Protein backbone atom coordinates (compact mmCIF):
# COMPACT_ATOMS: atom_id res chain seq x y z
CA ALA A 1 126.17 -94.66 19.07
CA GLY A 2 125.81 -91.10 19.45
CA GLU A 3 128.13 -88.46 18.58
CA GLY A 4 131.46 -89.48 20.00
CA GLY A 5 130.49 -92.51 19.99
CA TYR A 6 128.42 -91.65 22.79
CA ALA A 7 127.08 -95.06 24.74
CA SER A 8 129.48 -96.86 23.21
CA GLU A 9 130.15 -98.49 26.33
CA LEU A 10 127.85 -98.79 29.24
CA ALA A 11 128.30 -100.38 32.86
CA THR A 12 127.39 -99.75 36.44
CA GLY A 13 128.18 -100.63 40.07
CA ASP A 14 128.76 -99.26 43.15
CA VAL A 15 131.37 -97.34 43.45
CA ASN A 16 130.63 -96.05 47.28
CA ASN A 17 129.17 -98.89 48.74
CA ASP A 18 125.63 -96.89 49.30
CA GLY A 19 123.57 -99.66 47.89
CA ILE A 20 123.25 -97.88 44.05
CA HIS A 21 124.64 -98.71 41.14
CA GLU A 22 126.51 -95.52 39.54
CA ILE A 23 126.16 -95.40 35.55
CA PHE A 24 128.81 -95.26 33.64
CA VAL A 25 128.55 -93.93 30.10
CA SER A 26 131.20 -93.62 27.73
CA ALA A 27 132.02 -91.59 24.35
CA PRO A 28 135.23 -92.86 23.35
CA LEU A 29 135.27 -90.55 19.79
CA GLU A 30 134.43 -87.74 22.06
CA ASP A 31 137.33 -84.77 21.01
CA ALA A 32 137.09 -83.96 25.05
CA MET A 33 141.17 -82.86 25.28
CA ALA A 34 142.40 -84.02 21.81
CA THR A 35 141.24 -85.93 18.59
CA ASP A 36 139.60 -88.36 19.56
CA SER A 37 140.89 -88.45 23.01
CA GLY A 38 137.50 -89.63 24.53
CA VAL A 39 135.27 -89.90 28.09
CA VAL A 40 133.47 -91.31 30.13
CA TYR A 41 130.08 -90.18 31.81
CA MET A 42 129.19 -90.71 35.65
CA TYR A 43 125.50 -90.47 36.43
CA ASP A 44 124.86 -91.23 40.12
CA PRO A 45 121.31 -91.73 40.59
CA SER A 46 121.17 -91.50 44.15
CA ASP A 47 120.65 -87.80 43.37
CA GLY A 48 117.36 -88.40 41.98
CA ASP A 49 118.30 -86.53 38.49
CA LEU A 50 119.70 -88.43 35.75
CA TYR A 51 120.21 -85.86 33.77
CA ASP A 52 123.03 -84.17 35.32
CA ILE A 53 126.66 -85.43 34.72
CA ASP A 54 127.95 -86.76 38.21
CA ALA A 55 131.92 -87.18 37.28
CA THR A 56 133.88 -86.87 34.27
CA PHE A 57 136.40 -89.45 32.56
CA GLN A 58 138.46 -88.61 30.30
CA GLY A 59 141.25 -89.13 27.87
CA GLU A 60 144.34 -86.53 26.48
CA GLY A 61 146.32 -87.34 23.74
CA ASP A 62 144.97 -87.86 20.18
CA GLY A 63 143.21 -91.51 19.06
CA GLU A 64 143.35 -92.25 22.79
CA ASN A 65 139.44 -93.66 22.89
CA PHE A 66 139.36 -93.37 26.13
CA GLY A 67 136.22 -95.67 27.21
CA VAL A 68 136.39 -98.03 24.22
CA THR A 69 135.96 -100.51 27.30
CA VAL A 70 134.40 -99.55 30.75
CA ALA A 71 133.79 -102.27 33.57
CA ALA A 72 132.71 -101.12 37.02
CA GLY A 73 131.48 -102.72 39.93
CA SER A 74 134.03 -105.02 41.75
CA ASP A 75 136.20 -105.19 44.44
CA ILE A 76 139.73 -105.89 43.02
CA ASN A 77 141.89 -104.39 46.35
CA ALA A 78 139.58 -105.78 49.52
CA ASP A 79 139.01 -102.12 50.31
CA GLY A 80 134.37 -102.88 50.26
CA LEU A 81 134.15 -100.75 47.58
CA GLY A 82 133.83 -101.56 43.49
CA ASP A 83 136.12 -100.59 41.62
CA LEU A 84 136.34 -98.35 38.52
CA LEU A 85 138.13 -100.12 34.70
CA ILE A 86 138.82 -97.77 32.05
CA ALA A 87 140.00 -98.41 28.65
CA GLY A 88 142.35 -96.37 26.17
CA ARG A 89 144.99 -96.48 23.52
CA LEU A 90 148.60 -95.34 24.98
CA GLY A 91 149.51 -92.68 21.87
CA GLY A 92 146.74 -94.90 19.69
CA ASN A 93 148.32 -97.68 19.77
CA THR A 94 149.71 -99.83 22.87
CA TRP A 95 146.36 -100.66 25.15
CA GLN A 96 145.92 -99.10 28.99
CA VAL A 97 143.67 -99.68 31.82
CA HIS A 98 143.07 -97.54 33.64
CA ILE A 99 141.78 -98.56 37.07
CA PHE A 100 139.96 -96.08 39.54
CA PHE A 101 139.96 -97.52 43.18
CA GLY A 102 135.74 -97.10 44.58
CA ALA A 103 135.41 -94.38 47.46
CA VAL A 104 133.17 -93.71 49.95
CA SER A 105 132.77 -89.94 48.99
CA GLY A 106 132.51 -91.69 45.30
CA PHE A 107 133.48 -89.57 42.28
CA SER A 108 132.79 -85.90 40.86
CA GLY A 109 134.38 -83.63 39.19
CA THR A 110 136.81 -84.00 36.08
CA PHE A 111 139.36 -87.38 35.89
CA GLY A 112 142.47 -87.02 33.76
CA THR A 113 144.51 -90.51 33.06
CA ALA A 114 146.95 -89.13 35.69
CA ASP A 115 144.19 -89.40 38.08
CA ALA A 116 144.12 -93.10 37.26
CA ASP A 117 145.22 -95.60 41.09
CA THR A 118 146.94 -97.95 38.50
CA VAL A 119 147.33 -98.25 35.26
CA LEU A 120 148.22 -101.93 33.33
CA SER A 121 149.76 -101.54 29.69
CA GLY A 122 150.15 -103.76 27.29
CA GLU A 123 153.43 -105.46 26.36
CA MET A 124 153.69 -103.45 22.89
CA GLU A 125 152.07 -101.52 20.28
CA GLU A 126 149.14 -103.10 19.32
CA LEU A 127 146.73 -102.48 16.58
CA ASP A 128 144.29 -104.92 17.95
CA ASP A 129 140.78 -103.35 17.07
CA ARG A 130 139.67 -104.60 20.63
CA LEU A 131 140.10 -105.01 24.27
CA ALA A 132 137.94 -106.80 26.74
CA LEU A 133 137.23 -106.55 30.83
CA GLY A 134 135.22 -108.30 32.88
CA PHE A 135 136.03 -110.12 36.66
CA ALA A 136 136.20 -113.36 37.96
CA PRO A 137 135.05 -114.25 42.09
CA ASP A 138 137.87 -114.88 44.11
CA LEU A 139 140.57 -117.24 43.24
CA ASN A 140 142.74 -117.07 45.60
CA GLY A 141 140.98 -116.42 49.25
CA ASP A 142 142.71 -112.88 49.57
CA GLY A 143 139.24 -111.35 49.83
CA ALA A 144 139.79 -109.74 46.28
CA ASN A 145 137.87 -109.96 43.11
CA GLU A 146 140.20 -111.00 39.84
CA LEU A 147 141.16 -109.02 37.00
CA LEU A 148 140.24 -110.36 33.05
CA ILE A 149 141.05 -108.63 30.69
CA GLY A 150 140.97 -110.16 26.92
CA THR A 151 142.60 -108.61 23.45
CA PRO A 152 140.69 -110.94 20.92
CA ASP A 153 141.73 -109.31 17.85
CA ALA A 154 145.90 -109.99 18.76
CA GLY A 155 147.89 -112.91 16.75
CA ASP A 156 148.78 -112.63 13.21
CA TYR A 157 145.49 -114.44 11.87
CA GLY A 158 143.09 -113.15 15.19
CA GLU A 159 143.77 -115.71 17.61
CA GLY A 160 143.49 -113.78 20.65
CA MET A 161 144.07 -113.76 23.65
CA ALA A 162 143.13 -113.33 27.45
CA TYR A 163 145.07 -112.61 30.81
CA LEU A 164 143.97 -113.77 34.27
CA MET A 165 145.14 -111.12 36.77
CA LEU A 166 145.36 -112.02 40.54
CA SER A 167 144.23 -109.13 42.45
CA SER A 168 146.14 -107.13 44.90
CA LEU A 169 145.60 -105.43 47.92
CA VAL A 170 148.42 -103.14 46.58
CA TRP A 171 148.30 -102.62 43.03
CA ASP A 172 151.33 -100.90 41.05
CA ASP A 173 151.68 -100.01 37.37
CA GLY A 174 152.98 -102.98 35.44
CA LEU A 175 151.83 -105.03 31.79
CA PHE A 176 148.92 -106.67 31.17
CA GLY A 177 150.63 -109.20 29.31
CA THR A 178 153.01 -110.52 32.37
CA SER A 179 149.49 -111.30 34.30
CA ASP A 180 149.10 -114.32 36.55
CA VAL A 181 147.34 -116.68 34.03
CA ARG A 182 147.52 -116.10 29.94
CA PHE A 183 144.74 -118.30 27.76
CA ALA A 184 145.91 -118.55 24.30
CA PRO A 185 143.97 -120.71 21.59
CA TYR A 186 145.15 -123.66 19.86
CA GLY A 187 146.27 -122.36 16.54
CA ASN A 188 143.28 -121.81 15.68
CA ASP A 189 142.59 -118.50 12.80
CA ASP A 190 140.32 -115.70 13.84
CA GLU A 191 139.08 -117.49 16.85
CA ASN A 192 138.94 -114.85 18.68
CA LEU A 193 139.84 -115.88 22.00
CA GLY A 194 139.10 -112.70 24.82
CA ALA A 195 136.05 -111.47 23.01
CA ASP A 196 133.58 -111.81 26.25
CA VAL A 197 136.21 -112.14 29.65
CA GLY A 198 133.16 -112.01 31.58
């Protein structure tokens, strides 16, 4: 990773349905708005220039590490457009997943955490080092793919936890701990369940 943790996470996905995948590059240690607030840069190859940043997504608080995990390209609200997920820490502790729904007009300019369409939060302050994001295919026939969240360092002994959230045509802010399905290991220390969720 470069300065500010540049390229700590990379994700690609078509978020404007033009058939070309946008590229999302995170720098979760960058002091964009505050110390280690973090930032995610979007590059759109459709304009033929990968040197210019087309959109910026910024964390706003100290130690937020916005962009510590990024996932993109899967449609989780059945509008036919890929969506963008960016994880960070509220107050430097509690995990939050910010969801930006794709748009035909695409993303341009600068976005803050308040611009997210939906925010999913952990149930309590968590000092876990890692969070994983991923997608599953449509499991309930509503036309939207599902959301997977992993906290591999959760638990007293690093047992880990994984959550399956069945997607909705309308998303509300909430707790990802109240997911539809929760996966937990069978008492094995350092199992780190949820390190990779797809």
